[in-house]
Amino acid sequence: MTTTMNTFKSGTPAPQTGFYIFNSWADKSTTPAPAENQRTGTFQKGQTLPQINGRDVIWELKRI
């Protein structure tokens, strides 16, 4: 599920290899904040974007 041009929900395949950052919780809640070491990741094209602490999140592609 794509939410905007550069944001993608966990559980979907990464559209491009690149550096992604935590954008928001998919359920629109604001707490708790994910740990600093969970807020970013480099994912390969086709890799399933992960949940954080068992919760769906919105990942934002920052750079390719």
Foldseek 3Di string as FASTA:
>chain_A
DADDDFKDKAQFFDQAFAKKFFDFFPVRDDDDDADPVVGIDTHHGGDGHHDGPPGMTMIGGDGD
